[in-house]
Amino acid sequence: SFVTHNWEHAVPIFLRSMALAGKTIFM
């Protein structure tokens, strides 16, 4: 991919839901 990530990392869950609140991501 040509898309450059600001940051990236593995997480210990399969995300089924995300929500954004200010500078916090709930997953």
PDB file of all heavy atoms in Angstrom:
ATOM      1  N   SER A   1       0.831  -1.198   0.000  1.00  0.00           N
ATOM      2  CA  SER A   1       0.000   0.000   0.000  1.00  0.00           C
ATOM      3  C   SER A   1       0.866   1.249   0.000  1.00  0.00           C
ATOM      4  O   SER A   1       1.945   1.273   0.588  1.00  0.00           O
ATOM      5  CB  SER A   1      -0.915   0.012   1.232  1.00  0.00           C
ATOM      6  OG  SER A   1      -1.640   1.219   1.313  1.00  0.00           O
ATOM      7  N   PHE A   2       0.371   2.293  -0.681  1.00  0.00           N
ATOM      8  CA  PHE A   2       1.056   3.583  -0.671  1.00  0.00           C
ATOM      9  C   PHE A   2       0.611   4.456   0.508  1.00  0.00           C
ATOM     10  O   PHE A   2       1.173   5.517   0.739  1.00  0.00           O
ATOM     11  CB  PHE A   2       0.772   4.335  -1.974  1.00  0.00           C
ATOM     12  CG  PHE A   2       1.481   3.762  -3.166  1.00  0.00           C
ATOM     13  CD1 PHE A   2       0.774   3.147  -4.185  1.00  0.00           C
ATOM     14  CD2 PHE A   2       2.862   3.822  -3.270  1.00  0.00           C
ATOM     15  CE1 PHE A   2       1.413   2.618  -5.286  1.00  0.00           C
ATOM     16  CE2 PHE A   2       3.515   3.299  -4.368  1.00  0.00           C
ATOM     17  CZ  PHE A   2       2.791   2.690  -5.385  1.00  0.00           C
ATOM     18  N   VAL A   3      -0.416   4.035   1.231  1.00  0.00           N
ATOM     19  CA  VAL A   3      -0.931   4.845   2.341  1.00  0.00           C
ATOM     20  C   VAL A   3       0.048   4.787   3.508  1.00  0.00           C
ATOM     21  O   VAL A   3       0.371   3.708   4.012  1.00  0.00           O
ATOM     22  CB  VAL A   3      -2.315   4.332   2.785  1.00  0.00           C
ATOM     23  CG1 VAL A   3      -2.823   5.132   3.977  1.00  0.00           C
ATOM     24  CG2 VAL A   3      -3.303   4.412   1.628  1.00  0.00           C
ATOM     25  N   THR A   4       0.528   5.944   3.947  1.00  0.00           N
ATOM     26  CA  THR A   4       1.457   6.023   5.072  1.00  0.00           C
ATOM     27  C   THR A   4       0.676   6.207   6.367  1.00  0.00           C
ATOM     28  O   THR A   4      -0.174   7.083   6.468  1.00  0.00           O
ATOM     29  CB  THR A   4       2.431   7.199   4.896  1.00  0.00           C
ATOM     30  OG1 THR A   4       3.193   6.988   3.694  1.00  0.00           O
ATOM     31  CG2 THR A   4       3.383   7.281   6.071  1.00  0.00           C
ATOM     32  N   HIS A   5       0.960   5.375   7.333  1.00  0.00           N
ATOM     33  CA  HIS A   5       0.268   5.440   8.615  1.00  0.00           C
ATOM     34  C   HIS A   5       1.004   6.349   9.595  1.00  0.00           C
ATOM     35  O   HIS A   5       2.234   6.312   9.682  1.00  0.00           O
ATOM     36  CB  HIS A   5       0.147   4.044   9.221  1.00  0.00           C
ATOM     37  CG  HIS A   5      -0.789   3.151   8.465  1.00  0.00           C
ATOM     38  ND1 HIS A   5      -0.845   1.784   8.649  1.00  0.00           N
ATOM     39  CD2 HIS A   5      -1.717   3.439   7.505  1.00  0.00           C
ATOM     40  CE1 HIS A   5      -1.768   1.264   7.844  1.00  0.00           C
ATOM     41  NE2 HIS A   5      -2.304   2.255   7.149  1.00  0.00           N
ATOM     42  N   ASN A   6       0.240   7.149  10.328  1.00  0.00           N
ATOM     43  CA  ASN A   6       0.824   7.941  11.413  1.00  0.00           C
ATOM     44  C   ASN A   6       1.313   7.020  12.520  1.00  0.00           C
ATOM     45  O   ASN A   6       2.349   7.258  13.134  1.00  0.00           O
ATOM     46  CB  ASN A   6      -0.205   8.925  11.983  1.00  0.00           C
ATOM     47  CG  ASN A   6      -0.752   9.856  10.920  1.00  0.00           C
ATOM     48  OD1 ASN A   6      -0.016  10.344  10.067  1.00  0.00           O
ATOM     49  ND2 ASN A   6      -2.054  10.103  10.952  1.00  0.00           N
ATOM     50  N   TRP A   7       0.542   6.000  12.791  1.00  0.00           N
ATOM     51  CA  TRP A   7       0.928   4.924  13.712  1.00  0.00           C
ATOM     52  C   TRP A   7       0.116   3.691  13.356  1.00  0.00           C
ATOM     53  O   TRP A   7      -0.917   3.777  12.696  1.00  0.00           O
ATOM     54  CB  TRP A   7       0.749   5.316  15.184  1.00  0.00           C
ATOM     55  CG  TRP A   7      -0.605   5.879  15.560  1.00  0.00           C
ATOM     56  CD1 TRP A   7      -0.910   7.190  15.757  1.00  0.00           C
ATOM     57  CD2 TRP A   7      -1.829   5.146  15.798  1.00  0.00           C
ATOM     58  NE1 TRP A   7      -2.237   7.341  16.084  1.00  0.00           N
ATOM     59  CE2 TRP A   7      -2.829   6.090  16.134  1.00  0.00           C
ATOM     60  CE3 TRP A   7      -2.167   3.797  15.762  1.00  0.00           C
ATOM     61  CZ2 TRP A   7      -4.142   5.716  16.420  1.00  0.00           C
ATOM     62  CZ3 TRP A   7      -3.478   3.423  16.046  1.00  0.00           C
ATOM     63  CH2 TRP A   7      -4.442   4.385  16.385  1.00  0.00           C
ATOM     64  N   GLU A   8       0.595   2.542  13.777  1.00  0.00           N
ATOM     65  CA  GLU A   8      -0.095   1.280  13.526  1.00  0.00           C
ATOM     66  C   GLU A   8       0.385   0.253  14.531  1.00  0.00           C
ATOM     67  O   GLU A   8       1.546   0.271  14.936  1.00  0.00           O
ATOM     68  CB  GLU A   8       0.179   0.780  12.103  1.00  0.00           C
ATOM     69  CG  GLU A   8       1.641   0.480  11.846  1.00  0.00           C
ATOM     70  CD  GLU A   8       1.936   0.070  10.408  1.00  0.00           C
ATOM     71  OE1 GLU A   8       1.237   0.544   9.500  1.00  0.00           O
ATOM     72  OE2 GLU A   8       2.885  -0.703  10.224  1.00  0.00           O
ATOM     73  N   HIS A   9      -0.475  -0.630  14.960  1.00  0.00           N
ATOM     74  CA  HIS A   9      -0.057  -1.735  15.819  1.00  0.00           C
ATOM     75  C   HIS A   9      -1.169  -2.772  15.927  1.00  0.00           C
ATOM     76  O   HIS A   9      -2.344  -2.496  15.661  1.00  0.00           O
ATOM     77  CB  HIS A   9       0.356  -1.252  17.215  1.00  0.00           C
ATOM     78  CG  HIS A   9      -0.720  -0.555  17.995  1.00  0.00           C
ATOM     79  ND1 HIS A   9      -1.720  -1.223  18.649  1.00  0.00           N
ATOM     80  CD2 HIS A   9      -0.961   0.766  18.211  1.00  0.00           C
ATOM     81  CE1 HIS A   9      -2.517  -0.354  19.259  1.00  0.00           C
ATOM     82  NE2 HIS A   9      -2.078   0.851  18.992  1.00  0.00           N
ATOM     83  N   ALA A  10      -0.763  -3.975  16.299  1.00  0.00           N
ATOM     84  CA  ALA A  10      -1.720  -5.053  16.497  1.00  0.00           C
ATOM     85  C   ALA A  10      -2.507  -4.818  17.778  1.00  0.00           C
ATOM     86  O   ALA A  10      -2.019  -4.189  18.719  1.00  0.00           O
ATOM     87  CB  ALA A  10      -0.989  -6.391  16.570  1.00  0.00           C
ATOM     88  N   VAL A  11      -3.726  -5.320  17.827  1.00  0.00           N
ATOM     89  CA  VAL A  11      -4.561  -5.237  19.023  1.00  0.00           C
ATOM     90  C   VAL A  11      -5.082  -6.637  19.336  1.00  0.00           C
ATOM     91  O   VAL A  11      -5.200  -7.478  18.434  1.00  0.00           O
ATOM     92  CB  VAL A  11      -5.732  -4.243  18.842  1.00  0.00           C
ATOM     93  CG1 VAL A  11      -5.220  -2.819  18.753  1.00  0.00           C
ATOM     94  CG2 VAL A  11      -6.557  -4.587  17.609  1.00  0.00           C
ATOM     95  N   PRO A  12      -5.399  -6.920  20.595  1.00  0.00           N
ATOM     96  CA  PRO A  12      -5.750  -8.291  20.995  1.00  0.00           C
ATOM     97  C   PRO A  12      -7.210  -8.669  20.772  1.00  0.00           C
ATOM     98  O   PRO A  12      -7.677  -9.637  21.356  1.00  0.00           O
ATOM     99  CB  PRO A  12      -5.411  -8.289  22.487  1.00  0.00           C
ATOM    100  CG  PRO A  12      -5.659  -6.884  22.920  1.00  0.00           C
ATOM    101  CD  PRO A  12      -5.252  -6.015  21.759  1.00  0.00           C
ATOM    102  N   ILE A  13      -7.933  -7.915  19.946  1.00  0.00           N
ATOM    103  CA  ILE A  13      -9.343  -8.204  19.724  1.00  0.00           C
ATOM    104  C   ILE A  13      -9.675  -8.089  18.240  1.00  0.00           C
ATOM    105  O   ILE A  13      -8.928  -7.478  17.462  1.00  0.00           O
ATOM    106  CB  ILE A  13     -10.268  -7.240  20.519  1.00  0.00           C
ATOM    107  CG1 ILE A  13     -10.011  -5.784  20.099  1.00  0.00           C
ATOM    108  CG2 ILE A  13     -10.095  -7.434  22.015  1.00  0.00           C
ATOM    109  CD1 ILE A  13     -10.949  -4.777  20.749  1.00  0.00           C
ATOM    110  N   PHE A  14     -10.804  -8.694  17.829  1.00  0.00           N
ATOM    111  CA  PHE A  14     -11.404  -8.449  16.521  1.00  0.00           C
ATOM    112  C   PHE A  14     -12.387  -7.296  16.698  1.00  0.00           C
ATOM    113  O   PHE A  14     -13.412  -7.450  17.361  1.00  0.00           O
ATOM    114  CB  PHE A  14     -12.161  -9.683  16.030  1.00  0.00           C
ATOM    115  CG  PHE A  14     -11.294 -10.745  15.426  1.00  0.00           C
ATOM    116  CD1 PHE A  14     -11.033 -11.921  16.106  1.00  0.00           C
ATOM    117  CD2 PHE A  14     -10.753 -10.568  14.160  1.00  0.00           C
ATOM    118  CE1 PHE A  14     -10.245 -12.911  15.538  1.00  0.00           C
ATOM    119  CE2 PHE A  14      -9.967 -11.550  13.583  1.00  0.00           C
ATOM    120  CZ  PHE A  14      -9.711 -12.724  14.276  1.00  0.00           C
ATOM    121  N   LEU A  15     -12.085  -6.145  16.107  1.00  0.00           N
ATOM    122  CA  LEU A  15     -12.955  -4.987  16.292  1.00  0.00           C
ATOM    123  C   LEU A  15     -14.294  -5.197  15.594  1.00  0.00           C
ATOM    124  O   LEU A  15     -14.346  -5.393  14.378  1.00  0.00           O
ATOM    125  CB  LEU A  15     -12.291  -3.726  15.742  1.00  0.00           C
ATOM    126  CG  LEU A  15     -11.573  -2.865  16.788  1.00  0.00           C
ATOM    127  CD1 LEU A  15     -10.312  -3.579  17.260  1.00  0.00           C
ATOM    128  CD2 LEU A  15     -11.225  -1.509  16.216  1.00  0.00           C
ATOM    129  N   ARG A  16     -15.343  -5.120  16.378  1.00  0.00           N
ATOM    130  CA  ARG A  16     -16.698  -5.149  15.825  1.00  0.00           C
ATOM    131  C   ARG A  16     -17.346  -3.770  15.885  1.00  0.00           C
ATOM    132  O   ARG A  16     -18.322  -3.520  15.189  1.00  0.00           O
ATOM    133  CB  ARG A  16     -17.565  -6.148  16.591  1.00  0.00           C
ATOM    134  CG  ARG A  16     -17.156  -7.607  16.362  1.00  0.00           C
ATOM    135  CD  ARG A  16     -18.074  -8.554  17.113  1.00  0.00           C
ATOM    136  NE  ARG A  16     -19.476  -8.357  16.753  1.00  0.00           N
ATOM    137  CZ  ARG A  16     -20.064  -8.908  15.698  1.00  0.00           C
ATOM    138  NH1 ARG A  16     -19.361  -9.702  14.895  1.00  0.00           N
ATOM    139  NH2 ARG A  16     -21.338  -8.690  15.445  1.00  0.00           N
ATOM    140  N   SER A  17     -16.780  -2.900  16.730  1.00  0.00           N
ATOM    141  CA  SER A  17     -17.358  -1.561  16.862  1.00  0.00           C
ATOM    142  C   SER A  17     -16.270  -0.552  17.193  1.00  0.00           C
ATOM    143  O   SER A  17     -15.320  -0.867  17.912  1.00  0.00           O
ATOM    144  CB  SER A  17     -18.427  -1.529  17.954  1.00  0.00           C
ATOM    145  OG  SER A  17     -19.570  -2.265  17.565  1.00  0.00           O
ATOM    146  N   MET A  18     -16.429   0.670  16.661  1.00  0.00           N
ATOM    147  CA  MET A  18     -15.550   1.795  16.967  1.00  0.00           C
ATOM    148  C   MET A  18     -16.398   3.041  17.155  1.00  0.00           C
ATOM    149  O   MET A  18     -17.446   3.191  16.514  1.00  0.00           O
ATOM    150  CB  MET A  18     -14.546   2.056  15.848  1.00  0.00           C
ATOM    151  CG  MET A  18     -13.506   0.981  15.629  1.00  0.00           C
ATOM    152  SD  MET A  18     -12.325   1.460  14.326  1.00  0.00           S
ATOM    153  CE  MET A  18     -11.321   2.670  15.190  1.00  0.00           C
ATOM    154  N   ALA A  19     -15.933   3.925  18.018  1.00  0.00           N
ATOM    155  CA  ALA A  19     -16.576   5.228  18.188  1.00  0.00           C
ATOM    156  C   ALA A  19     -15.502   6.241  18.555  1.00  0.00           C
ATOM    157  O   ALA A  19     -14.550   5.916  19.267  1.00  0.00           O
ATOM    158  CB  ALA A  19     -17.648   5.170  19.272  1.00  0.00           C
ATOM    159  N   LEU A  20     -15.645   7.463  18.051  1.00  0.00           N
ATOM    160  CA  LEU A  20     -14.658   8.510  18.283  1.00  0.00           C
ATOM    161  C   LEU A  20     -15.249   9.571  19.186  1.00  0.00           C
ATOM    162  O   LEU A  20     -16.369  10.051  18.952  1.00  0.00           O
ATOM    163  CB  LEU A  20     -14.237   9.131  16.950  1.00  0.00           C
ATOM    164  CG  LEU A  20     -13.134  10.188  16.984  1.00  0.00           C
ATOM    165  CD1 LEU A  20     -11.827   9.585  17.476  1.00  0.00           C
ATOM    166  CD2 LEU A  20     -12.947  10.790  15.590  1.00  0.00           C
ATOM    167  N   ALA A  21     -14.479   9.944  20.229  1.00  0.00           N
ATOM    168  CA  ALA A  21     -14.905  10.999  21.148  1.00  0.00           C
ATOM    169  C   ALA A  21     -13.705  11.884  21.430  1.00  0.00           C
ATOM    170  O   ALA A  21     -12.815  11.508  22.208  1.00  0.00           O
ATOM    171  CB  ALA A  21     -15.448  10.406  22.442  1.00  0.00           C
ATOM    172  N   GLY A  22     -13.637  13.059  20.772  1.00  0.00           N
ATOM    173  CA  GLY A  22     -12.496  13.942  20.960  1.00  0.00           C
ATOM    174  C   GLY A  22     -11.219  13.276  20.487  1.00  0.00           C
ATOM    175  O   GLY A  22     -11.101  12.870  19.332  1.00  0.00           O
ATOM    176  N   LYS A  23     -10.253  13.115  21.398  1.00  0.00           N
ATOM    177  CA  LYS A  23      -8.976  12.491  21.068  1.00  0.00           C
ATOM    178  C   LYS A  23      -8.905  11.051  21.553  1.00  0.00           C
ATOM    179  O   LYS A  23      -7.817  10.494  21.727  1.00  0.00           O
ATOM    180  CB  LYS A  23      -7.827  13.305  21.637  1.00  0.00           C
ATOM    181  CG  LYS A  23      -7.694  14.697  21.014  1.00  0.00           C
ATOM    182  CD  LYS A  23      -6.474  15.430  21.527  1.00  0.00           C
ATOM    183  CE  LYS A  23      -6.334  16.794  20.837  1.00  0.00           C
ATOM    184  NZ  LYS A  23      -5.120  17.507  21.313  1.00  0.00           N
ATOM    185  N   THR A  24     -10.073  10.438  21.764  1.00  0.00           N
ATOM    186  CA  THR A  24     -10.129   9.057  22.235  1.00  0.00           C
ATOM    187  C   THR A  24     -10.944   8.200  21.278  1.00  0.00           C
ATOM    188  O   THR A  24     -12.039   8.580  20.872  1.00  0.00           O
ATOM    189  CB  THR A  24     -10.745   8.972  23.646  1.00  0.00           C
ATOM    190  OG1 THR A  24      -9.951   9.730  24.553  1.00  0.00           O
ATOM    191  CG2 THR A  24     -10.799   7.525  24.124  1.00  0.00           C
ATOM    192  N   ILE A  25     -10.379   7.045  20.924  1.00  0.00           N
ATOM    193  CA  ILE A  25     -11.099   6.045  20.142  1.00  0.00           C
ATOM    194  C   ILE A  25     -11.569   4.964  21.107  1.00  0.00           C
ATOM    195  O   ILE A  25     -10.773   4.438  21.892  1.00  0.00           O
ATOM    196  CB  ILE A  25     -10.192   5.392  19.084  1.00  0.00           C
ATOM    197  CG1 ILE A  25      -9.588   6.431  18.151  1.00  0.00           C
ATOM    198  CG2 ILE A  25     -10.959   4.336  18.292  1.00  0.00           C
ATOM    199  CD1 ILE A  25      -8.439   5.896  17.318  1.00  0.00           C
ATOM    200  N   PHE A  26     -12.851   4.646  21.067  1.00  0.00           N
ATOM    201  CA  PHE A  26     -13.348   3.501  21.808  1.00  0.00           C
ATOM    202  C   PHE A  26     -13.492   2.344  20.823  1.00  0.00           C
ATOM    203  O   PHE A  26     -14.056   2.506  19.740  1.00  0.00           O
ATOM    204  CB  PHE A  26     -14.704   3.803  22.454  1.00  0.00           C
ATOM    205  CG  PHE A  26     -14.609   4.796  23.574  1.00  0.00           C
ATOM    206  CD1 PHE A  26     -14.999   6.123  23.390  1.00  0.00           C
ATOM    207  CD2 PHE A  26     -14.119   4.424  24.819  1.00  0.00           C
ATOM    208  CE1 PHE A  26     -14.903   7.046  24.413  1.00  0.00           C
ATOM    209  CE2 PHE A  26     -14.018   5.339  25.852  1.00  0.00           C
ATOM    210  CZ  PHE A  26     -14.409   6.654  25.652  1.00  0.00           C
ATOM    211  N   MET A  27     -12.959   1.192  21.186  1.00  0.00           N
ATOM    212  CA  MET A  27     -13.042   0.021  20.312  1.00  0.00           C
ATOM    213  C   MET A  27     -13.403  -1.198  21.148  1.00  0.00           C
ATOM    214  O   MET A  27     -13.008  -1.323  22.301  1.00  0.00           O
ATOM    215  CB  MET A  27     -11.722  -0.209  19.576  1.00  0.00           C
ATOM    216  CG  MET A  27     -10.542  -0.536  20.472  1.00  0.00           C
ATOM    217  SD  MET A  27      -9.026  -0.814  19.514  1.00  0.00           S
ATOM    218  CE  MET A  27      -7.952  -1.500  20.795  1.00  0.00           C
TER     219      MET A  27
END
